Amino acid sequence: YPRAMFKSVGYTKKDLSKPIIGVVSSFSEFHPGSYPNKELAQFVKS
């Protein structure tokens, strides 16, 4: 059930066998303290 949900947004069977890390971002577009997190999250994920 959850594997199907994850696969639907692009994760593979191999991806789901690795440690799953939540990247919890406070990003928003209405103040400067949150704004950088959209980009920084991509570097964290890489």
All heavy atoms as atom14 arrays in JSON, in Angstrom:
{
  "sequence": "YPRAMFKSVGYTKKDLSKPIIGVVSSFSEFHPGSYPNKELAQFVKS",
  "atom14_mask": [
    [1, 1, 1, 1, 1, 1, 1, 1, 1, 1, 1, 1, 0, 0],
    [1, 1, 1, 1, 1, 1, 1, 0, 0, 0, 0, 0, 0, 0],
    [1, 1, 1, 1, 1, 1, 1, 1, 1, 1, 1, 0, 0, 0],
    [1, 1, 1, 1, 1, 0, 0, 0, 0, 0, 0, 0, 0, 0],
    [1, 1, 1, 1, 1, 1, 1, 1, 0, 0, 0, 0, 0, 0],
    [1, 1, 1, 1, 1, 1, 1, 1, 1, 1, 1, 0, 0, 0],
    [1, 1, 1, 1, 1, 1, 1, 1, 1, 0, 0, 0, 0, 0],
    [1, 1, 1, 1, 1, 1, 0, 0, 0, 0, 0, 0, 0, 0],
    [1, 1, 1, 1, 1, 1, 1, 0, 0, 0, 0, 0, 0, 0],
    [1, 1, 1, 1, 0, 0, 0, 0, 0, 0, 0, 0, 0, 0],
    [1, 1, 1, 1, 1, 1, 1, 1, 1, 1, 1, 1, 0, 0],
    [1, 1, 1, 1, 1, 1, 1, 0, 0, 0, 0, 0, 0, 0],
    [1, 1, 1, 1, 1, 1, 1, 1, 1, 0, 0, 0, 0, 0],
    [1, 1, 1, 1, 1, 1, 1, 1, 1, 0, 0, 0, 0, 0],
    [1, 1, 1, 1, 1, 1, 1, 1, 0, 0, 0, 0, 0, 0],
    [1, 1, 1, 1, 1, 1, 1, 1, 0, 0, 0, 0, 0, 0],
    [1, 1, 1, 1, 1, 1, 0, 0, 0, 0, 0, 0, 0, 0],
    [1, 1, 1, 1, 1, 1, 1, 1, 1, 0, 0, 0, 0, 0],
    [1, 1, 1, 1, 1, 1, 1, 0, 0, 0, 0, 0, 0, 0],
    [1, 1, 1, 1, 1, 1, 1, 1, 0, 0, 0, 0, 0, 0],
    [1, 1, 1, 1, 1, 1, 1, 1, 0, 0, 0, 0, 0, 0],
    [1, 1, 1, 1, 0, 0, 0, 0, 0, 0, 0, 0, 0, 0],
    [1, 1, 1, 1, 1, 1, 1, 0, 0, 0, 0, 0, 0, 0],
    [1, 1, 1, 1, 1, 1, 1, 0, 0, 0, 0, 0, 0, 0],
    [1, 1, 1, 1, 1, 1, 0, 0, 0, 0, 0, 0, 0, 0],
    [1, 1, 1, 1, 1, 1, 0, 0, 0, 0, 0, 0, 0, 0],
    [1, 1, 1, 1, 1, 1, 1, 1, 1, 1, 1, 0, 0, 0],
    [1, 1, 1, 1, 1, 1, 0, 0, 0, 0, 0, 0, 0, 0],
    [1, 1, 1, 1, 1, 1, 1, 1, 1, 0, 0, 0, 0, 0],
    [1, 1, 1, 1, 1, 1, 1, 1, 1, 1, 1, 0, 0, 0],
    [1, 1, 1, 1, 1, 1, 1, 1, 1, 1, 0, 0, 0, 0],
    [1, 1, 1, 1, 1, 1, 1, 0, 0, 0, 0, 0, 0, 0],
    [1, 1, 1, 1, 0, 0, 0, 0, 0, 0, 0, 0, 0, 0],
    [1, 1, 1, 1, 1, 1, 0, 0, 0, 0, 0, 0, 0, 0],
    [1, 1, 1, 1, 1, 1, 1, 1, 1, 1, 1, 1, 0, 0],
    [1, 1, 1, 1, 1, 1, 1, 0, 0, 0, 0, 0, 0, 0],
    [1, 1, 1, 1, 1, 1, 1, 1, 0, 0, 0, 0, 0, 0],
    [1, 1, 1, 1, 1, 1, 1, 1, 1, 0, 0, 0, 0, 0],
    [1, 1, 1, 1, 1, 1, 1, 1, 1, 0, 0, 0, 0, 0],
    [1, 1, 1, 1, 1, 1, 1, 1, 0, 0, 0, 0, 0, 0],
    [1, 1, 1, 1, 1, 0, 0, 0, 0, 0, 0, 0, 0, 0],
    [1, 1, 1, 1, 1, 1, 1, 1, 1, 0, 0, 0, 0, 0],
    [1, 1, 1, 1, 1, 1, 1, 1, 1, 1, 1, 0, 0, 0],
    [1, 1, 1, 1, 1, 1, 1, 0, 0, 0, 0, 0, 0, 0],
    [1, 1, 1, 1, 1, 1, 1, 1, 1, 0, 0, 0, 0, 0],
    [1, 1, 1, 1, 1, 1, 0, 0, 0, 0, 0, 0, 0, 0]
  ],
  "atom14_positions": [
    [[0.83, -1.21, 0.0], [0.0, 0.0, 0.0], [0.87, 1.26, 0.0], [0.77, 2.1, -0.91], [-0.91, -0.07, 1.22], [-2.3, 0.51, 1.01], [-3.04, 0.23, -0.13], [-2.87, 1.32, 1.99], [-4.31, 0.75, -0.29], [-4.15, 1.84, 1.83], [-4.85, 1.55, 0.69], [-6.11, 2.07, 0.53], [0.0, 0.0, 0.0], [0.0, 0.0, 0.0]],
    [[1.76, 1.45, 1.0], [2.62, 2.63, 0.96], [3.64, 2.59, -0.17], [3.99, 3.64, -0.72], [3.32, 2.63, 2.33], [3.2, 1.23, 2.84], [1.92, 0.72, 2.28], [0.0, 0.0, 0.0], [0.0, 0.0, 0.0], [0.0, 0.0, 0.0], [0.0, 0.0, 0.0], [0.0, 0.0, 0.0], [0.0, 0.0, 0.0], [0.0, 0.0, 0.0]],
    [[4.11, 1.38, -0.55], [5.06, 1.31, -1.68], [4.42, 1.86, -2.95], [5.07, 2.59, -3.72], [5.52, -0.13, -1.9], [6.44, -0.69, -0.82], [7.17, -1.94, -1.29], [6.29, -3.01, -1.71], [5.84, -4.01, -0.94], [6.2, -4.06, 0.34], [5.05, -4.96, -1.43], [0.0, 0.0, 0.0], [0.0, 0.0, 0.0], [0.0, 0.0, 0.0]],
    [[3.17, 1.55, -3.16], [2.47, 2.04, -4.35], [2.38, 3.56, -4.34], [2.53, 4.22, -5.38], [1.07, 1.43, -4.42], [0.0, 0.0, 0.0], [0.0, 0.0, 0.0], [0.0, 0.0, 0.0], [0.0, 0.0, 0.0], [0.0, 0.0, 0.0], [0.0, 0.0, 0.0], [0.0, 0.0, 0.0], [0.0, 0.0, 0.0], [0.0, 0.0, 0.0]],
    [[2.14, 4.14, -3.16], [2.05, 5.58, -3.06], [3.38, 6.24, -3.42], [3.43, 7.22, -4.17], [1.64, 5.99, -1.62], [0.29, 5.51, -1.15], [-1.1, 6.25, -2.05], [-1.55, 4.88, -3.11], [0.0, 0.0, 0.0], [0.0, 0.0, 0.0], [0.0, 0.0, 0.0], [0.0, 0.0, 0.0], [0.0, 0.0, 0.0], [0.0, 0.0, 0.0]],
    [[4.46, 5.71, -2.88], [5.79, 6.28, -3.16], [6.17, 6.1, -4.62], [6.74, 7.0, -5.24], [6.84, 5.64, -2.24], [6.99, 6.32, -0.91], [6.06, 6.13, 0.1], [8.06, 7.16, -0.66], [6.19, 6.77, 1.33], [8.21, 7.81, 0.56], [7.26, 7.61, 1.55], [0.0, 0.0, 0.0], [0.0, 0.0, 0.0], [0.0, 0.0, 0.0]],
    [[5.87, 4.92, -5.19], [6.21, 4.69, -6.6], [5.45, 5.65, -7.52], [5.97, 6.05, -8.57], [5.89, 3.24, -6.97], [6.87, 2.23, -6.38], [6.49, 0.8, -6.74], [7.49, -0.2, -6.18], [7.11, -1.59, -6.5], [0.0, 0.0, 0.0], [0.0, 0.0, 0.0], [0.0, 0.0, 0.0], [0.0, 0.0, 0.0], [0.0, 0.0, 0.0]],
    [[4.26, 6.06, -7.11], [3.45, 6.93, -7.95], [4.06, 8.31, -8.15], [3.75, 9.02, -9.11], [2.04, 7.09, -7.37], [2.07, 7.92, -6.22], [0.0, 0.0, 0.0], [0.0, 0.0, 0.0], [0.0, 0.0, 0.0], [0.0, 0.0, 0.0], [0.0, 0.0, 0.0], [0.0, 0.0, 0.0], [0.0, 0.0, 0.0], [0.0, 0.0, 0.0]],
    [[4.96, 8.73, -7.22], [5.6, 10.04, -7.37], [7.06, 9.93, -7.79], [7.82, 10.89, -7.72], [5.49, 10.88, -6.07], [4.05, 11.25, -5.8], [6.08, 10.14, -4.88], [0.0, 0.0, 0.0], [0.0, 0.0, 0.0], [0.0, 0.0, 0.0], [0.0, 0.0, 0.0], [0.0, 0.0, 0.0], [0.0, 0.0, 0.0], [0.0, 0.0, 0.0]],
    [[7.45, 8.71, -8.24], [8.75, 8.58, -8.88], [9.8, 7.76, -8.16], [10.88, 7.52, -8.7], [0.0, 0.0, 0.0], [0.0, 0.0, 0.0], [0.0, 0.0, 0.0], [0.0, 0.0, 0.0], [0.0, 0.0, 0.0], [0.0, 0.0, 0.0], [0.0, 0.0, 0.0], [0.0, 0.0, 0.0], [0.0, 0.0, 0.0], [0.0, 0.0, 0.0]],
    [[9.52, 7.31, -6.93], [10.5, 6.49, -6.21], [10.48, 5.06, -6.76], [9.42, 4.52, -7.08], [10.21, 6.49, -4.71], [10.41, 7.83, -4.05], [9.33, 8.67, -3.78], [11.68, 8.27, -3.7], [9.51, 9.9, -3.18], [11.88, 9.5, -3.1], [10.79, 10.32, -2.84], [10.97, 11.54, -2.25], [0.0, 0.0, 0.0], [0.0, 0.0, 0.0]],
    [[11.66, 4.45, -6.86], [11.78, 3.08, -7.36], [11.85, 2.09, -6.22], [12.01, 2.46, -5.05], [13.04, 2.93, -8.22], [14.2, 3.09, -7.37], [13.09, 3.98, -9.32], [0.0, 0.0, 0.0], [0.0, 0.0, 0.0], [0.0, 0.0, 0.0], [0.0, 0.0, 0.0], [0.0, 0.0, 0.0], [0.0, 0.0, 0.0], [0.0, 0.0, 0.0]],
    [[11.75, 0.8, -6.56], [11.88, -0.25, -5.56], [13.22, -0.15, -4.85], [13.31, -0.33, -3.63], [11.72, -1.61, -6.23], [11.77, -2.78, -5.27], [11.56, -4.1, -6.01], [11.62, -5.28, -5.03], [11.41, -6.57, -5.75], [0.0, 0.0, 0.0], [0.0, 0.0, 0.0], [0.0, 0.0, 0.0], [0.0, 0.0, 0.0], [0.0, 0.0, 0.0]],
    [[14.27, 0.15, -5.61], [15.61, 0.29, -5.03], [15.66, 1.49, -4.07], [16.27, 1.41, -3.0], [16.64, 0.46, -6.15], [18.08, 0.53, -5.65], [19.06, 0.63, -6.82], [20.49, 0.7, -6.31], [21.46, 0.83, -7.46], [0.0, 0.0, 0.0], [0.0, 0.0, 0.0], [0.0, 0.0, 0.0], [0.0, 0.0, 0.0], [0.0, 0.0, 0.0]],
    [[15.03, 2.6, -4.45], [15.0, 3.78, -3.58], [14.41, 3.44, -2.22], [14.88, 3.9, -1.18], [14.17, 4.91, -4.2], [14.79, 5.48, -5.47], [16.02, 5.37, -5.63], [14.03, 6.05, -6.27], [0.0, 0.0, 0.0], [0.0, 0.0, 0.0], [0.0, 0.0, 0.0], [0.0, 0.0, 0.0], [0.0, 0.0, 0.0], [0.0, 0.0, 0.0]],
    [[13.35, 2.62, -2.23], [12.63, 2.32, -1.0], [13.36, 1.32, -0.12], [12.96, 1.08, 1.02], [11.22, 1.81, -1.32], [10.35, 2.78, -2.13], [8.94, 2.23, -2.29], [10.3, 4.16, -1.5], [0.0, 0.0, 0.0], [0.0, 0.0, 0.0], [0.0, 0.0, 0.0], [0.0, 0.0, 0.0], [0.0, 0.0, 0.0], [0.0, 0.0, 0.0]],
    [[14.45, 0.76, -0.61], [15.26, -0.15, 0.2], [16.37, 0.59, 0.94], [17.07, 0.0, 1.77], [15.89, -1.23, -0.69], [16.87, -0.66, -1.57], [0.0, 0.0, 0.0], [0.0, 0.0, 0.0], [0.0, 0.0, 0.0], [0.0, 0.0, 0.0], [0.0, 0.0, 0.0], [0.0, 0.0, 0.0], [0.0, 0.0, 0.0], [0.0, 0.0, 0.0]],
    [[16.53, 1.87, 0.65], [17.57, 2.69, 1.29], [16.99, 3.4, 2.52], [15.77, 3.46, 2.69], [18.09, 3.74, 0.29], [18.71, 3.16, -0.97], [19.06, 4.28, -1.95], [19.64, 3.73, -3.24], [19.95, 4.82, -4.21], [0.0, 0.0, 0.0], [0.0, 0.0, 0.0], [0.0, 0.0, 0.0], [0.0, 0.0, 0.0], [0.0, 0.0, 0.0]],
    [[17.85, 3.97, 3.37], [17.33, 4.78, 4.49], [16.47, 5.94, 3.96], [16.91, 6.69, 3.08], [18.59, 5.29, 5.17], [19.66, 4.32, 4.8], [19.32, 3.85, 3.42], [0.0, 0.0, 0.0], [0.0, 0.0, 0.0], [0.0, 0.0, 0.0], [0.0, 0.0, 0.0], [0.0, 0.0, 0.0], [0.0, 0.0, 0.0], [0.0, 0.0, 0.0]],
    [[15.28, 6.08, 4.49], [14.35, 7.14, 4.06], [14.55, 8.34, 5.0], [14.35, 8.24, 6.21], [12.89, 6.67, 4.11], [12.71, 5.41, 3.27], [11.96, 7.79, 3.62], [13.0, 5.59, 1.79], [0.0, 0.0, 0.0], [0.0, 0.0, 0.0], [0.0, 0.0, 0.0], [0.0, 0.0, 0.0], [0.0, 0.0, 0.0], [0.0, 0.0, 0.0]],
    [[14.95, 9.45, 4.42], [15.29, 10.64, 5.2], [14.26, 11.73, 4.92], [14.09, 12.18, 3.78], [16.69, 11.17, 4.84], [17.74, 10.06, 4.91], [17.04, 12.36, 5.74], [17.92, 9.44, 6.29], [0.0, 0.0, 0.0], [0.0, 0.0, 0.0], [0.0, 0.0, 0.0], [0.0, 0.0, 0.0], [0.0, 0.0, 0.0], [0.0, 0.0, 0.0]],
    [[13.57, 12.17, 5.94], [12.66, 13.3, 5.79], [13.42, 14.61, 5.77], [14.22, 14.89, 6.66], [0.0, 0.0, 0.0], [0.0, 0.0, 0.0], [0.0, 0.0, 0.0], [0.0, 0.0, 0.0], [0.0, 0.0, 0.0], [0.0, 0.0, 0.0], [0.0, 0.0, 0.0], [0.0, 0.0, 0.0], [0.0, 0.0, 0.0], [0.0, 0.0, 0.0]],
    [[13.21, 15.39, 4.72], [13.81, 16.72, 4.61], [12.69, 17.71, 4.93], [11.8, 17.94, 4.12], [14.4, 16.97, 3.21], [14.99, 18.38, 3.12], [15.46, 15.91, 2.9], [0.0, 0.0, 0.0], [0.0, 0.0, 0.0], [0.0, 0.0, 0.0], [0.0, 0.0, 0.0], [0.0, 0.0, 0.0], [0.0, 0.0, 0.0], [0.0, 0.0, 0.0]],
    [[12.73, 18.26, 6.14], [11.62, 19.03, 6.68], [11.95, 20.51, 6.53], [12.78, 21.06, 7.25], [11.35, 18.67, 8.15], [10.06, 19.33, 8.61], [11.29, 17.17, 8.33], [0.0, 0.0, 0.0], [0.0, 0.0, 0.0], [0.0, 0.0, 0.0], [0.0, 0.0, 0.0], [0.0, 0.0, 0.0], [0.0, 0.0, 0.0], [0.0, 0.0, 0.0]],
    [[11.29, 21.17, 5.59], [11.62, 22.54, 5.23], [10.54, 23.51, 5.68], [9.34, 23.23, 5.57], [11.79, 22.64, 3.7], [11.84, 23.99, 3.29], [0.0, 0.0, 0.0], [0.0, 0.0, 0.0], [0.0, 0.0, 0.0], [0.0, 0.0, 0.0], [0.0, 0.0, 0.0], [0.0, 0.0, 0.0], [0.0, 0.0, 0.0], [0.0, 0.0, 0.0]],
    [[10.97, 24.66, 6.17], [10.04, 25.73, 6.55], [9.88, 26.74, 5.42], [9.53, 27.9, 5.67], [10.54, 26.44, 7.82], [11.78, 27.07, 7.56], [0.0, 0.0, 0.0], [0.0, 0.0, 0.0], [0.0, 0.0, 0.0], [0.0, 0.0, 0.0], [0.0, 0.0, 0.0], [0.0, 0.0, 0.0], [0.0, 0.0, 0.0], [0.0, 0.0, 0.0]],
    [[10.13, 26.32, 4.18], [10.07, 27.25, 3.04], [8.71, 27.92, 2.9], [7.66, 27.31, 3.06], [10.38, 26.5, 1.74], [10.01, 27.28, 0.51], [10.79, 28.36, 0.11], [8.88, 26.98, -0.23], [10.45, 29.11, -1.01], [8.53, 27.7, -1.35], [9.32, 28.78, -1.74], [0.0, 0.0, 0.0], [0.0, 0.0, 0.0], [0.0, 0.0, 0.0]],
    [[8.75, 29.21, 2.61], [7.58, 29.95, 2.16], [8.07, 31.14, 1.34], [9.25, 31.46, 1.35], [6.72, 30.44, 3.34], [7.34, 31.55, 3.97], [0.0, 0.0, 0.0], [0.0, 0.0, 0.0], [0.0, 0.0, 0.0], [0.0, 0.0, 0.0], [0.0, 0.0, 0.0], [0.0, 0.0, 0.0], [0.0, 0.0, 0.0], [0.0, 0.0, 0.0]],
    [[7.15, 31.81, 0.67], [7.51, 32.91, -0.21], [7.26, 34.28, 0.4], [7.39, 35.28, -0.28], [6.75, 32.79, -1.53], [7.19, 31.59, -2.37], [6.51, 31.56, -3.74], [5.41, 32.16, -3.87], [7.08, 30.96, -4.66], [0.0, 0.0, 0.0], [0.0, 0.0, 0.0], [0.0, 0.0, 0.0], [0.0, 0.0, 0.0], [0.0, 0.0, 0.0]],
    [[6.88, 34.34, 1.7], [6.5, 35.66, 2.19], [7.45, 36.26, 3.22], [7.16, 37.32, 3.76], [5.05, 35.66, 2.69], [4.81, 35.0, 4.02], [4.65, 35.75, 5.17], [4.69, 33.63, 4.11], [4.4, 35.15, 6.38], [4.43, 33.02, 5.32], [4.28, 33.78, 6.47], [0.0, 0.0, 0.0], [0.0, 0.0, 0.0], [0.0, 0.0, 0.0]],
    [[8.6, 35.63, 3.49], [9.6, 36.35, 4.28], [11.0, 35.78, 4.02], [11.14, 34.62, 3.63], [9.24, 36.39, 5.77], [9.25, 35.07, 6.47], [10.36, 34.58, 7.1], [8.27, 34.15, 6.68], [10.09, 33.42, 7.66], [8.82, 33.14, 7.42], [0.0, 0.0, 0.0], [0.0, 0.0, 0.0], [0.0, 0.0, 0.0], [0.0, 0.0, 0.0]],
    [[12.02, 36.59, 4.23], [13.36, 36.23, 3.81], [14.0, 35.09, 4.6], [14.91, 34.44, 4.11], [14.17, 37.52, 3.98], [13.41, 38.3, 5.01], [11.97, 37.98, 4.77], [0.0, 0.0, 0.0], [0.0, 0.0, 0.0], [0.0, 0.0, 0.0], [0.0, 0.0, 0.0], [0.0, 0.0, 0.0], [0.0, 0.0, 0.0], [0.0, 0.0, 0.0]],
    [[13.55, 34.86, 5.84], [14.13, 33.78, 6.62], [13.77, 32.4, 6.1], [14.55, 31.45, 6.24], [0.0, 0.0, 0.0], [0.0, 0.0, 0.0], [0.0, 0.0, 0.0], [0.0, 0.0, 0.0], [0.0, 0.0, 0.0], [0.0, 0.0, 0.0], [0.0, 0.0, 0.0], [0.0, 0.0, 0.0], [0.0, 0.0, 0.0], [0.0, 0.0, 0.0]],
    [[12.6, 32.27, 5.49], [12.15, 30.98, 4.95], [12.54, 30.78, 3.5], [12.7, 29.64, 3.04], [10.61, 30.88, 5.06], [10.21, 30.56, 6.36], [0.0, 0.0, 0.0], [0.0, 0.0, 0.0], [0.0, 0.0, 0.0], [0.0, 0.0, 0.0], [0.0, 0.0, 0.0], [0.0, 0.0, 0.0], [0.0, 0.0, 0.0], [0.0, 0.0, 0.0]],
    [[12.67, 31.87, 2.78], [12.8, 31.79, 1.31], [13.98, 30.93, 0.84], [13.86, 30.21, -0.15], [12.9, 33.21, 0.74], [12.62, 33.28, -0.74], [11.31, 33.35, -1.21], [13.64, 33.28, -1.67], [11.03, 33.41, -2.56], [13.39, 33.35, -3.02], [12.07, 33.41, -3.47], [11.81, 33.46, -4.81], [0.0, 0.0, 0.0], [0.0, 0.0, 0.0]],
    [[15.16, 30.96, 1.5], [16.29, 30.18, 0.98], [16.09, 28.68, 1.04], [16.8, 27.92, 0.34], [17.46, 30.59, 1.9], [17.01, 31.83, 2.59], [15.53, 31.75, 2.68], [0.0, 0.0, 0.0], [0.0, 0.0, 0.0], [0.0, 0.0, 0.0], [0.0, 0.0, 0.0], [0.0, 0.0, 0.0], [0.0, 0.0, 0.0], [0.0, 0.0, 0.0]],
    [[15.14, 28.21, 1.86], [15.06, 26.78, 2.13], [14.6, 25.96, 0.94], [14.87, 24.76, 0.87], [14.17, 26.53, 3.34], [14.86, 26.9, 4.64], [16.07, 26.82, 4.75], [14.08, 27.31, 5.63], [0.0, 0.0, 0.0], [0.0, 0.0, 0.0], [0.0, 0.0, 0.0], [0.0, 0.0, 0.0], [0.0, 0.0, 0.0], [0.0, 0.0, 0.0]],
    [[13.91, 26.57, -0.01], [13.51, 25.83, -1.2], [14.74, 25.35, -1.96], [14.82, 24.18, -2.37], [12.65, 26.72, -2.11], [12.11, 25.99, -3.34], [11.18, 26.89, -4.14], [10.54, 26.12, -5.3], [9.59, 26.99, -6.05], [0.0, 0.0, 0.0], [0.0, 0.0, 0.0], [0.0, 0.0, 0.0], [0.0, 0.0, 0.0], [0.0, 0.0, 0.0]],
    [[15.71, 26.24, -2.13], [16.95, 25.87, -2.83], [17.84, 25.0, -1.95], [18.39, 23.99, -2.41], [17.71, 27.13, -3.25], [19.01, 26.82, -3.98], [19.85, 28.06, -4.22], [19.55, 29.12, -3.65], [20.84, 27.94, -4.97], [0.0, 0.0, 0.0], [0.0, 0.0, 0.0], [0.0, 0.0, 0.0], [0.0, 0.0, 0.0], [0.0, 0.0, 0.0]],
    [[17.98, 25.36, -0.68], [18.87, 24.6, 0.2], [18.42, 23.16, 0.33], [19.24, 22.24, 0.44], [18.93, 25.27, 1.58], [19.64, 26.63, 1.63], [19.54, 27.21, 3.05], [21.1, 26.49, 1.2], [0.0, 0.0, 0.0], [0.0, 0.0, 0.0], [0.0, 0.0, 0.0], [0.0, 0.0, 0.0], [0.0, 0.0, 0.0], [0.0, 0.0, 0.0]],
    [[17.1, 22.92, 0.31], [16.6, 21.55, 0.41], [17.08, 20.69, -0.74], [17.35, 19.49, -0.56], [15.06, 21.57, 0.45], [0.0, 0.0, 0.0], [0.0, 0.0, 0.0], [0.0, 0.0, 0.0], [0.0, 0.0, 0.0], [0.0, 0.0, 0.0], [0.0, 0.0, 0.0], [0.0, 0.0, 0.0], [0.0, 0.0, 0.0], [0.0, 0.0, 0.0]],
    [[17.23, 21.3, -1.91], [17.7, 20.52, -3.08], [19.15, 20.07, -2.87], [19.53, 18.95, -3.25], [17.56, 21.34, -4.36], [16.19, 21.97, -4.58], [15.05, 21.01, -4.32], [15.02, 19.89, -4.85], [14.1, 21.43, -3.49], [0.0, 0.0, 0.0], [0.0, 0.0, 0.0], [0.0, 0.0, 0.0], [0.0, 0.0, 0.0], [0.0, 0.0, 0.0]],
    [[19.96, 20.93, -2.27], [21.36, 20.56, -2.01], [21.44, 19.52, -0.89], [22.27, 18.62, -0.95], [22.17, 21.81, -1.65], [22.48, 22.67, -2.85], [21.65, 23.71, -3.21], [23.61, 22.43, -3.62], [21.92, 24.5, -4.31], [23.9, 23.21, -4.72], [23.06, 24.25, -5.07], [0.0, 0.0, 0.0], [0.0, 0.0, 0.0], [0.0, 0.0, 0.0]],
    [[20.57, 19.65, 0.12], [20.51, 18.62, 1.16], [20.16, 17.28, 0.53], [20.8, 16.24, 0.82], [19.48, 19.0, 2.24], [19.22, 17.81, 3.16], [19.95, 20.19, 3.05], [0.0, 0.0, 0.0], [0.0, 0.0, 0.0], [0.0, 0.0, 0.0], [0.0, 0.0, 0.0], [0.0, 0.0, 0.0], [0.0, 0.0, 0.0], [0.0, 0.0, 0.0]],
    [[19.16, 17.27, -0.34], [18.72, 16.03, -0.96], [19.8, 15.42, -1.84], [19.97, 14.19, -1.87], [17.43, 16.27, -1.76], [16.23, 16.53, -0.85], [14.9, 16.5, -1.59], [14.68, 17.7, -2.45], [13.32, 17.73, -3.03], [0.0, 0.0, 0.0], [0.0, 0.0, 0.0], [0.0, 0.0, 0.0], [0.0, 0.0, 0.0], [0.0, 0.0, 0.0]],
    [[20.58, 16.27, -2.52], [21.67, 15.73, -3.34], [22.71, 15.04, -2.46], [23.3, 14.02, -2.85], [22.31, 16.84, -4.18], [23.06, 17.74, -3.38], [0.0, 0.0, 0.0], [0.0, 0.0, 0.0], [0.0, 0.0, 0.0], [0.0, 0.0, 0.0], [0.0, 0.0, 0.0], [0.0, 0.0, 0.0], [0.0, 0.0, 0.0], [0.0, 0.0, 0.0]]
  ]
}
